[in-house]
């Protein structure tokens, strides 16, 4: 295997603690800009089959002031979604990343329907989409194939791992 890139995402104060390590690895450090999490219950290693799906969109910011209102609207709309587990934005320089997780593929589709107008607004000038990825169990990604193809998104199926938190 070859490591293509590595990134750390978190509060600026925590990223500062990783600076030497990040520098030695050539890692980008994306500082939390805004967001929320409903992952409040630590449950050990989940016995249930994992269904968590995440979306990984990367953007280049073209007009930060104009992007701010749209980002705030994304957060407000996403906060209302029953299937949203966590949601937020991180930045480094002119690069913007949305950290977002959903209970399953159906929740991803519901989210995209809820924020469709925000996507249109963001891509109409404030930002340029650099790439987008969907990650999740193969059974959940199957539900997202058509949407992923329409967005030009890559699909990454979970190979191994666990999830320690459940949605409260």
N, C-alpha and C. Protein backbone atom coordinates (compact mmCIF):
# COMPACT_ATOMS: atom_id res chain seq x y z
N UNK A 1 0.83 -1.19 0.00
CA UNK A 1 0.00 0.00 0.00
C UNK A 1 0.87 1.24 0.00
N UNK A 2 0.35 2.28 -0.59
CA UNK A 2 1.03 3.57 -0.61
C UNK A 2 0.08 4.61 -0.01
N UNK A 3 0.56 5.35 0.96
CA UNK A 3 -0.23 6.42 1.57
C UNK A 3 -0.25 7.62 0.62
N UNK A 4 -1.45 7.98 0.15
CA UNK A 4 -1.57 9.10 -0.78
C UNK A 4 -1.55 10.43 -0.05
N UNK A 5 -2.25 10.50 1.09
CA UNK A 5 -2.28 11.72 1.87
C UNK A 5 -2.81 11.38 3.25
N UNK A 6 -2.60 12.29 4.18
CA UNK A 6 -3.13 12.12 5.52
C UNK A 6 -3.58 13.49 6.02
N UNK A 7 -4.68 13.50 6.75
CA UNK A 7 -5.26 14.75 7.25
C UNK A 7 -5.66 14.56 8.70
N UNK A 8 -5.57 15.63 9.46
CA UNK A 8 -6.11 15.68 10.81
C UNK A 8 -7.19 16.75 10.81
N UNK A 9 -8.34 16.44 11.42
CA UNK A 9 -9.45 17.38 11.54
C UNK A 9 -9.79 17.51 13.01
N UNK A 10 -9.90 18.73 13.52
CA UNK A 10 -10.26 18.92 14.92
C UNK A 10 -10.16 20.37 15.32
N UNK A 11 -10.41 20.62 16.61
CA UNK A 11 -10.29 21.99 17.11
C UNK A 11 -8.84 22.49 16.95
N UNK A 12 -8.69 23.77 16.64
CA UNK A 12 -7.36 24.35 16.42
C UNK A 12 -6.42 24.08 17.59
N UNK A 13 -6.94 24.15 18.82
CA UNK A 13 -6.10 23.93 20.00
C UNK A 13 -5.56 22.51 20.05
N UNK A 14 -6.34 21.54 19.59
CA UNK A 14 -5.88 20.14 19.56
C UNK A 14 -4.93 19.90 18.38
N UNK A 15 -5.20 20.56 17.27
CA UNK A 15 -4.31 20.42 16.11
C UNK A 15 -2.92 20.97 16.42
N UNK A 16 -2.87 22.00 17.24
CA UNK A 16 -1.57 22.58 17.62
C UNK A 16 -0.70 21.53 18.31
N UNK A 17 -1.31 20.66 19.10
CA UNK A 17 -0.58 19.58 19.78
C UNK A 17 0.00 18.57 18.80
N UNK A 18 -0.60 18.48 17.62
CA UNK A 18 -0.18 17.51 16.60
C UNK A 18 0.77 18.11 15.57
N UNK A 19 1.09 19.39 15.71
CA UNK A 19 1.83 20.10 14.67
C UNK A 19 3.13 19.39 14.25
N UNK A 20 3.94 19.00 15.20
CA UNK A 20 5.22 18.34 14.85
C UNK A 20 4.98 17.03 14.11
N UNK A 21 4.02 16.25 14.60
CA UNK A 21 3.70 14.98 13.94
C UNK A 21 3.14 15.23 12.55
N UNK A 22 2.21 16.18 12.44
CA UNK A 22 1.60 16.49 11.14
C UNK A 22 2.67 16.96 10.15
N UNK A 23 3.57 17.82 10.62
CA UNK A 23 4.64 18.30 9.75
C UNK A 23 5.52 17.16 9.27
N UNK A 24 5.84 16.23 10.17
CA UNK A 24 6.72 15.12 9.80
C UNK A 24 6.05 14.17 8.80
N UNK A 25 4.73 14.13 8.81
CA UNK A 25 3.99 13.26 7.89
C UNK A 25 3.54 13.99 6.62
N UNK A 26 3.73 15.30 6.59
CA UNK A 26 3.23 16.08 5.47
C UNK A 26 1.71 16.16 5.48
N UNK A 27 1.12 16.11 6.68
CA UNK A 27 -0.34 16.09 6.83
C UNK A 27 -0.93 17.49 6.83
N UNK A 28 -2.11 17.61 6.24
CA UNK A 28 -2.88 18.84 6.31
C UNK A 28 -3.67 18.83 7.61
N UNK A 29 -3.79 19.98 8.26
CA UNK A 29 -4.57 20.10 9.50
C UNK A 29 -5.75 21.02 9.26
N UNK A 30 -6.95 20.45 9.25
CA UNK A 30 -8.19 21.19 9.02
C UNK A 30 -8.79 21.54 10.38
N UNK A 31 -8.89 22.83 10.69
CA UNK A 31 -9.45 23.29 11.96
C UNK A 31 -10.97 23.36 11.88
N UNK A 32 -11.64 22.94 12.96
CA UNK A 32 -13.10 22.98 13.02
C UNK A 32 -13.57 24.42 12.85
N UNK A 33 -14.52 24.61 11.96
CA UNK A 33 -15.11 25.91 11.72
C UNK A 33 -16.48 25.99 12.39
N UNK A 34 -17.31 24.99 12.18
CA UNK A 34 -18.65 24.96 12.76
C UNK A 34 -19.19 23.55 12.68
N UNK A 35 -20.22 23.23 13.48
CA UNK A 35 -20.84 21.93 13.38
C UNK A 35 -21.42 21.43 14.68
N UNK A 36 -21.83 20.15 14.70
CA UNK A 36 -22.44 19.54 15.88
C UNK A 36 -22.28 18.03 15.79
N UNK A 37 -22.57 17.34 16.89
CA UNK A 37 -22.51 15.88 16.94
C UNK A 37 -23.61 15.36 17.84
N UNK A 38 -24.26 14.29 17.40
CA UNK A 38 -25.24 13.59 18.21
C UNK A 38 -24.66 12.27 18.72
N UNK A 39 -23.34 12.07 18.60
CA UNK A 39 -22.69 10.84 19.07
C UNK A 39 -22.41 11.00 20.57
N UNK A 40 -23.41 10.78 21.38
CA UNK A 40 -23.30 11.04 22.81
C UNK A 40 -23.19 9.79 23.65
N UNK A 41 -23.48 8.63 23.09
CA UNK A 41 -23.53 7.40 23.86
C UNK A 41 -22.38 6.50 23.46
N UNK A 42 -21.42 6.30 24.39
CA UNK A 42 -20.35 5.35 24.12
C UNK A 42 -20.87 3.97 24.48
N UNK A 43 -20.78 3.03 23.54
CA UNK A 43 -21.38 1.72 23.75
C UNK A 43 -20.38 0.58 23.67
N UNK A 44 -19.08 0.86 23.75
CA UNK A 44 -18.10 -0.21 23.52
C UNK A 44 -18.11 -0.54 22.04
N UNK A 45 -17.67 -1.70 21.69
CA UNK A 45 -17.69 -2.12 20.29
C UNK A 45 -19.10 -2.53 19.93
N UNK A 46 -19.67 -1.90 18.93
CA UNK A 46 -21.05 -2.16 18.54
C UNK A 46 -21.22 -3.59 18.07
N UNK A 47 -22.19 -4.28 18.63
CA UNK A 47 -22.47 -5.65 18.24
C UNK A 47 -23.34 -5.69 16.98
N UNK A 48 -24.15 -4.67 16.79
CA UNK A 48 -25.02 -4.62 15.63
C UNK A 48 -24.19 -4.40 14.37
N UNK A 49 -24.71 -4.83 13.23
CA UNK A 49 -23.99 -4.55 11.98
C UNK A 49 -23.85 -3.04 11.80
N UNK A 50 -22.70 -2.63 11.35
CA UNK A 50 -22.46 -1.21 11.13
C UNK A 50 -23.22 -0.74 9.91
N UNK A 51 -23.87 0.41 10.05
CA UNK A 51 -24.60 0.98 8.92
C UNK A 51 -24.18 2.42 8.66
N UNK A 52 -23.32 2.98 9.52
CA UNK A 52 -22.91 4.38 9.41
C UNK A 52 -22.33 4.67 8.03
N UNK A 53 -22.81 5.74 7.42
CA UNK A 53 -22.29 6.21 6.13
C UNK A 53 -21.79 7.64 6.32
N UNK A 54 -20.69 7.96 5.66
CA UNK A 54 -20.16 9.31 5.73
C UNK A 54 -19.98 9.85 4.31
N UNK A 55 -20.11 11.16 4.22
CA UNK A 55 -19.86 11.86 2.95
C UNK A 55 -18.62 12.70 3.17
N UNK A 56 -17.72 12.72 2.19
CA UNK A 56 -16.45 13.45 2.29
C UNK A 56 -16.30 14.40 1.11
N UNK A 57 -16.92 15.60 1.17
CA UNK A 57 -16.73 16.57 0.10
C UNK A 57 -15.62 17.57 0.42
N UNK A 58 -14.78 17.83 -0.56
CA UNK A 58 -13.69 18.80 -0.45
C UNK A 58 -13.95 19.93 -1.42
N UNK A 59 -13.78 21.16 -0.95
CA UNK A 59 -14.04 22.35 -1.76
C UNK A 59 -12.85 23.29 -1.73
N UNK A 60 -12.74 24.14 -2.74
CA UNK A 60 -11.86 25.29 -2.72
C UNK A 60 -12.75 26.51 -2.53
N UNK A 61 -12.41 27.33 -1.55
CA UNK A 61 -13.19 28.53 -1.25
C UNK A 61 -12.80 29.63 -2.24
N UNK A 62 -13.78 30.18 -2.95
CA UNK A 62 -13.54 31.27 -3.89
C UNK A 62 -13.97 32.61 -3.31
N UNK A 63 -15.00 32.59 -2.45
CA UNK A 63 -15.51 33.81 -1.81
C UNK A 63 -15.97 33.43 -0.41
N UNK A 64 -15.09 33.61 0.58
CA UNK A 64 -15.37 33.14 1.94
C UNK A 64 -16.57 33.85 2.56
N UNK A 65 -16.71 35.14 2.34
CA UNK A 65 -17.83 35.87 2.92
C UNK A 65 -19.16 35.34 2.38
N UNK A 66 -19.22 35.08 1.10
CA UNK A 66 -20.44 34.56 0.48
C UNK A 66 -20.70 33.11 0.92
N UNK A 67 -19.63 32.33 1.10
CA UNK A 67 -19.77 30.94 1.52
C UNK A 67 -20.31 30.83 2.94
N UNK A 68 -19.98 31.79 3.81
CA UNK A 68 -20.36 31.74 5.24
C UNK A 68 -21.86 31.55 5.43
N UNK A 69 -22.68 32.34 4.75
CA UNK A 69 -24.13 32.23 4.91
C UNK A 69 -24.63 30.85 4.48
N UNK A 70 -24.07 30.32 3.41
CA UNK A 70 -24.49 29.01 2.91
C UNK A 70 -24.06 27.91 3.88
N UNK A 71 -22.86 28.00 4.41
CA UNK A 71 -22.38 27.02 5.38
C UNK A 71 -23.28 27.01 6.61
N UNK A 72 -23.63 28.18 7.09
CA UNK A 72 -24.53 28.27 8.25
C UNK A 72 -25.89 27.66 7.94
N UNK A 73 -26.38 27.83 6.72
CA UNK A 73 -27.66 27.24 6.33
C UNK A 73 -27.54 25.71 6.27
N UNK A 74 -26.44 25.20 5.74
CA UNK A 74 -26.19 23.75 5.73
C UNK A 74 -26.29 23.19 7.15
N UNK A 75 -25.61 23.83 8.10
CA UNK A 75 -25.59 23.35 9.49
C UNK A 75 -27.00 23.37 10.08
N UNK A 76 -27.72 24.46 9.89
CA UNK A 76 -29.07 24.58 10.45
C UNK A 76 -30.00 23.51 9.87
N UNK A 77 -29.94 23.29 8.58
CA UNK A 77 -30.81 22.28 7.96
C UNK A 77 -30.42 20.87 8.40
N UNK A 78 -29.13 20.59 8.46
CA UNK A 78 -28.66 19.25 8.82
C UNK A 78 -29.01 18.90 10.26
N UNK A 79 -28.99 19.89 11.13
CA UNK A 79 -29.30 19.67 12.55
C UNK A 79 -30.72 19.11 12.75
N UNK A 80 -31.62 19.34 11.80
CA UNK A 80 -33.01 18.89 11.92
C UNK A 80 -33.23 17.46 11.45
N UNK A 81 -32.22 16.84 10.88
CA UNK A 81 -32.39 15.52 10.26
C UNK A 81 -32.27 14.38 11.28
N UNK A 82 -33.27 13.52 11.32
CA UNK A 82 -33.28 12.40 12.26
C UNK A 82 -32.11 11.45 12.03
N UNK A 83 -31.67 11.28 10.81
CA UNK A 83 -30.60 10.34 10.50
C UNK A 83 -29.20 10.90 10.55
N UNK A 84 -29.05 12.18 10.90
CA UNK A 84 -27.73 12.79 10.97
C UNK A 84 -27.08 12.45 12.30
N UNK A 85 -25.86 11.91 12.25
CA UNK A 85 -25.11 11.54 13.45
C UNK A 85 -24.15 12.66 13.84
N UNK A 86 -23.44 13.21 12.87
CA UNK A 86 -22.56 14.35 13.12
C UNK A 86 -22.44 15.16 11.83
N UNK A 87 -22.14 16.45 12.01
CA UNK A 87 -22.06 17.33 10.85
C UNK A 87 -21.23 18.54 11.21
N UNK A 88 -20.34 18.95 10.34
CA UNK A 88 -19.56 20.15 10.58
C UNK A 88 -18.58 20.42 9.46
N UNK A 89 -17.98 21.59 9.54
CA UNK A 89 -17.05 22.05 8.51
C UNK A 89 -15.69 22.30 9.11
N UNK A 90 -14.64 21.93 8.38
CA UNK A 90 -13.27 22.22 8.78
C UNK A 90 -12.58 22.93 7.63
N UNK A 91 -11.56 23.75 7.98
CA UNK A 91 -10.86 24.54 6.96
C UNK A 91 -9.36 24.49 7.19
N UNK A 92 -8.63 24.59 6.10
CA UNK A 92 -7.20 24.88 6.12
C UNK A 92 -6.93 25.73 4.89
N UNK A 93 -6.43 26.96 5.12
CA UNK A 93 -6.21 27.88 4.00
C UNK A 93 -7.50 28.11 3.23
N UNK A 94 -7.45 27.91 1.90
CA UNK A 94 -8.66 28.10 1.08
C UNK A 94 -9.39 26.78 0.83
N UNK A 95 -9.05 25.74 1.60
CA UNK A 95 -9.69 24.43 1.45
C UNK A 95 -10.74 24.24 2.54
N UNK A 96 -11.89 23.73 2.13
CA UNK A 96 -13.03 23.53 3.01
C UNK A 96 -13.46 22.08 2.90
N UNK A 97 -13.75 21.46 4.04
CA UNK A 97 -14.16 20.06 4.09
C UNK A 97 -15.38 19.94 4.97
N UNK A 98 -16.35 19.15 4.55
CA UNK A 98 -17.53 18.91 5.37
C UNK A 98 -17.42 17.53 6.00
N UNK A 99 -17.41 17.48 7.34
CA UNK A 99 -17.38 16.21 8.08
C UNK A 99 -18.82 15.86 8.39
N UNK A 100 -19.31 14.75 7.84
CA UNK A 100 -20.71 14.43 8.03
C UNK A 100 -20.93 12.93 8.05
N UNK A 101 -21.76 12.47 9.00
CA UNK A 101 -22.07 11.06 9.13
C UNK A 101 -23.55 10.84 9.33
N UNK A 102 -24.05 9.73 8.81
CA UNK A 102 -25.48 9.42 8.82
C UNK A 102 -25.70 7.97 9.23
N UNK A 103 -26.88 7.70 9.78
CA UNK A 103 -27.16 6.37 10.30
C UNK A 103 -27.10 5.28 9.24
N UNK A 104 -27.40 5.63 7.99
CA UNK A 104 -27.39 4.64 6.91
C UNK A 104 -27.53 5.35 5.56
N UNK A 105 -27.57 4.56 4.50
CA UNK A 105 -27.69 5.14 3.15
C UNK A 105 -28.97 5.91 2.93
N UNK A 106 -30.07 5.44 3.54
CA UNK A 106 -31.33 6.17 3.41
C UNK A 106 -31.23 7.56 4.02
N UNK A 107 -30.53 7.68 5.15
CA UNK A 107 -30.35 8.99 5.79
C UNK A 107 -29.48 9.90 4.93
N UNK A 108 -28.50 9.34 4.22
CA UNK A 108 -27.69 10.14 3.28
C UNK A 108 -28.58 10.72 2.19
N UNK A 109 -29.43 9.87 1.63
CA UNK A 109 -30.33 10.34 0.56
C UNK A 109 -31.28 11.42 1.08
N UNK A 110 -31.81 11.23 2.29
CA UNK A 110 -32.69 12.24 2.88
C UNK A 110 -31.94 13.56 3.08
N UNK A 111 -30.69 13.47 3.55
CA UNK A 111 -29.87 14.66 3.75
C UNK A 111 -29.67 15.41 2.43
N UNK A 112 -29.28 14.69 1.40
CA UNK A 112 -29.03 15.34 0.11
C UNK A 112 -30.29 16.01 -0.41
N UNK A 113 -31.45 15.42 -0.16
CA UNK A 113 -32.70 16.06 -0.54
C UNK A 113 -32.96 17.32 0.27
N UNK A 114 -32.60 17.29 1.54
CA UNK A 114 -32.82 18.42 2.44
C UNK A 114 -31.92 19.61 2.11
N UNK A 115 -30.69 19.34 1.69
CA UNK A 115 -29.72 20.44 1.48
C UNK A 115 -29.42 20.70 0.00
N UNK A 116 -30.22 20.14 -0.88
CA UNK A 116 -29.97 20.31 -2.32
C UNK A 116 -29.83 21.76 -2.75
N UNK A 117 -30.68 22.63 -2.23
CA UNK A 117 -30.59 24.05 -2.62
C UNK A 117 -29.32 24.68 -2.07
N UNK A 118 -28.85 24.21 -0.91
CA UNK A 118 -27.59 24.73 -0.35
C UNK A 118 -26.41 24.34 -1.23
N UNK A 119 -26.43 23.10 -1.71
CA UNK A 119 -25.37 22.64 -2.61
C UNK A 119 -25.32 23.54 -3.84
N UNK A 120 -26.50 23.79 -4.41
CA UNK A 120 -26.57 24.65 -5.59
C UNK A 120 -26.00 26.04 -5.29
N UNK A 121 -26.38 26.62 -4.14
CA UNK A 121 -25.89 27.96 -3.76
C UNK A 121 -24.38 27.98 -3.58
N UNK A 122 -23.84 26.95 -2.92
CA UNK A 122 -22.41 26.92 -2.65
C UNK A 122 -21.60 26.82 -3.94
N UNK A 123 -22.11 26.00 -4.87
CA UNK A 123 -21.38 25.79 -6.12
C UNK A 123 -21.66 26.86 -7.17
N UNK A 124 -22.59 27.77 -6.88
CA UNK A 124 -22.91 28.85 -7.82
C UNK A 124 -21.91 30.00 -7.76
N UNK A 125 -20.89 29.89 -6.94
CA UNK A 125 -19.90 30.96 -6.88
C UNK A 125 -18.98 30.93 -5.68
N UNK A 126 -19.49 30.70 -4.46
CA UNK A 126 -18.60 30.79 -3.30
C UNK A 126 -17.52 29.70 -3.23
N UNK A 127 -17.82 28.52 -3.77
CA UNK A 127 -16.87 27.40 -3.67
C UNK A 127 -16.88 26.57 -4.95
N UNK A 128 -15.80 25.83 -5.11
CA UNK A 128 -15.67 24.87 -6.22
C UNK A 128 -15.49 23.50 -5.58
N UNK A 129 -16.26 22.51 -6.03
CA UNK A 129 -16.13 21.15 -5.52
C UNK A 129 -14.89 20.51 -6.14
N UNK A 130 -13.96 20.10 -5.27
CA UNK A 130 -12.73 19.45 -5.75
C UNK A 130 -12.92 17.95 -5.90
N UNK A 131 -13.59 17.33 -4.92
CA UNK A 131 -13.89 15.91 -5.00
C UNK A 131 -14.91 15.57 -3.92
N UNK A 132 -15.58 14.43 -4.11
CA UNK A 132 -16.55 13.96 -3.13
C UNK A 132 -16.49 12.44 -3.07
N UNK A 133 -16.61 11.92 -1.85
CA UNK A 133 -16.56 10.48 -1.61
C UNK A 133 -17.68 10.09 -0.67
N UNK A 134 -18.22 8.88 -0.86
CA UNK A 134 -19.15 8.28 0.09
C UNK A 134 -18.44 7.06 0.69
N UNK A 135 -18.49 6.92 2.02
CA UNK A 135 -17.90 5.78 2.71
C UNK A 135 -18.98 5.08 3.52
N UNK A 136 -18.96 3.75 3.54
CA UNK A 136 -19.93 3.00 4.33
C UNK A 136 -19.89 1.53 3.99
N UNK A 137 -20.74 0.76 4.66
CA UNK A 137 -20.85 -0.67 4.35
C UNK A 137 -21.35 -0.86 2.92
N UNK A 138 -20.89 -1.91 2.25
CA UNK A 138 -21.26 -2.16 0.86
C UNK A 138 -22.78 -2.19 0.67
N UNK A 139 -23.50 -2.77 1.63
CA UNK A 139 -24.96 -2.86 1.50
C UNK A 139 -25.60 -1.47 1.51
N UNK A 140 -25.04 -0.54 2.27
CA UNK A 140 -25.58 0.82 2.31
C UNK A 140 -25.14 1.62 1.08
N UNK A 141 -23.92 1.40 0.62
CA UNK A 141 -23.43 2.11 -0.57
C UNK A 141 -24.23 1.72 -1.81
N UNK A 142 -24.76 0.51 -1.81
CA UNK A 142 -25.59 0.06 -2.94
C UNK A 142 -26.76 1.03 -3.15
N UNK A 143 -27.31 1.56 -2.06
CA UNK A 143 -28.42 2.51 -2.12
C UNK A 143 -27.99 3.85 -2.71
N UNK A 144 -26.68 4.13 -2.67
CA UNK A 144 -26.15 5.44 -3.07
C UNK A 144 -25.51 5.45 -4.45
N UNK A 145 -25.46 4.31 -5.13
CA UNK A 145 -24.74 4.21 -6.40
C UNK A 145 -25.21 5.23 -7.43
N UNK A 146 -26.50 5.34 -7.64
CA UNK A 146 -27.01 6.25 -8.67
C UNK A 146 -26.70 7.71 -8.30
N UNK A 147 -26.93 8.06 -7.04
CA UNK A 147 -26.65 9.43 -6.58
C UNK A 147 -25.16 9.73 -6.70
N UNK A 148 -24.32 8.77 -6.30
CA UNK A 148 -22.87 8.95 -6.39
C UNK A 148 -22.45 9.18 -7.83
N UNK A 149 -23.00 8.41 -8.74
CA UNK A 149 -22.65 8.57 -10.16
C UNK A 149 -23.05 9.96 -10.65
N UNK A 150 -24.23 10.43 -10.23
CA UNK A 150 -24.69 11.77 -10.65
C UNK A 150 -23.80 12.88 -10.11
N UNK A 151 -23.22 12.67 -8.92
CA UNK A 151 -22.36 13.67 -8.30
C UNK A 151 -20.89 13.51 -8.67
N UNK A 152 -20.55 12.42 -9.35
CA UNK A 152 -19.15 12.13 -9.64
C UNK A 152 -18.40 11.69 -8.39
N UNK A 153 -19.11 11.08 -7.45
CA UNK A 153 -18.53 10.67 -6.17
C UNK A 153 -17.91 9.28 -6.26
N UNK A 154 -16.79 9.11 -5.57
CA UNK A 154 -16.18 7.79 -5.42
C UNK A 154 -16.87 7.08 -4.24
N UNK A 155 -16.99 5.76 -4.34
CA UNK A 155 -17.58 4.95 -3.27
C UNK A 155 -16.49 4.11 -2.61
N UNK A 156 -16.42 4.17 -1.27
CA UNK A 156 -15.46 3.40 -0.50
C UNK A 156 -16.20 2.52 0.49
N UNK A 157 -16.14 1.20 0.29
CA UNK A 157 -16.81 0.26 1.19
C UNK A 157 -15.93 -0.04 2.39
N UNK A 158 -16.55 -0.10 3.57
CA UNK A 158 -15.81 -0.47 4.78
C UNK A 158 -15.22 -1.86 4.59
N UNK A 159 -13.99 -2.01 4.99
CA UNK A 159 -13.32 -3.30 4.88
C UNK A 159 -13.20 -3.94 6.26
N UNK A 160 -12.88 -3.15 7.27
CA UNK A 160 -12.73 -3.65 8.63
C UNK A 160 -12.90 -2.47 9.59
N UNK A 161 -13.17 -2.76 10.85
CA UNK A 161 -13.27 -1.70 11.83
C UNK A 161 -14.43 -1.90 12.78
N UNK A 162 -14.71 -0.86 13.53
CA UNK A 162 -15.80 -0.87 14.50
C UNK A 162 -16.28 0.55 14.71
N UNK A 163 -17.43 0.69 15.35
CA UNK A 163 -17.90 2.01 15.76
C UNK A 163 -18.21 1.93 17.25
N UNK A 164 -17.73 2.89 18.00
CA UNK A 164 -17.85 2.86 19.46
C UNK A 164 -19.02 3.71 19.95
N UNK A 165 -19.53 4.58 19.13
CA UNK A 165 -20.59 5.49 19.55
C UNK A 165 -21.88 5.20 18.79
N UNK A 166 -22.97 5.44 19.44
CA UNK A 166 -24.26 5.35 18.78
C UNK A 166 -24.96 6.69 18.95
N UNK A 167 -25.93 6.93 18.10
CA UNK A 167 -26.66 8.18 18.18
C UNK A 167 -27.55 8.17 19.42
N UNK A 168 -27.48 9.25 20.18
CA UNK A 168 -28.27 9.33 21.42
C UNK A 168 -29.73 9.56 21.11
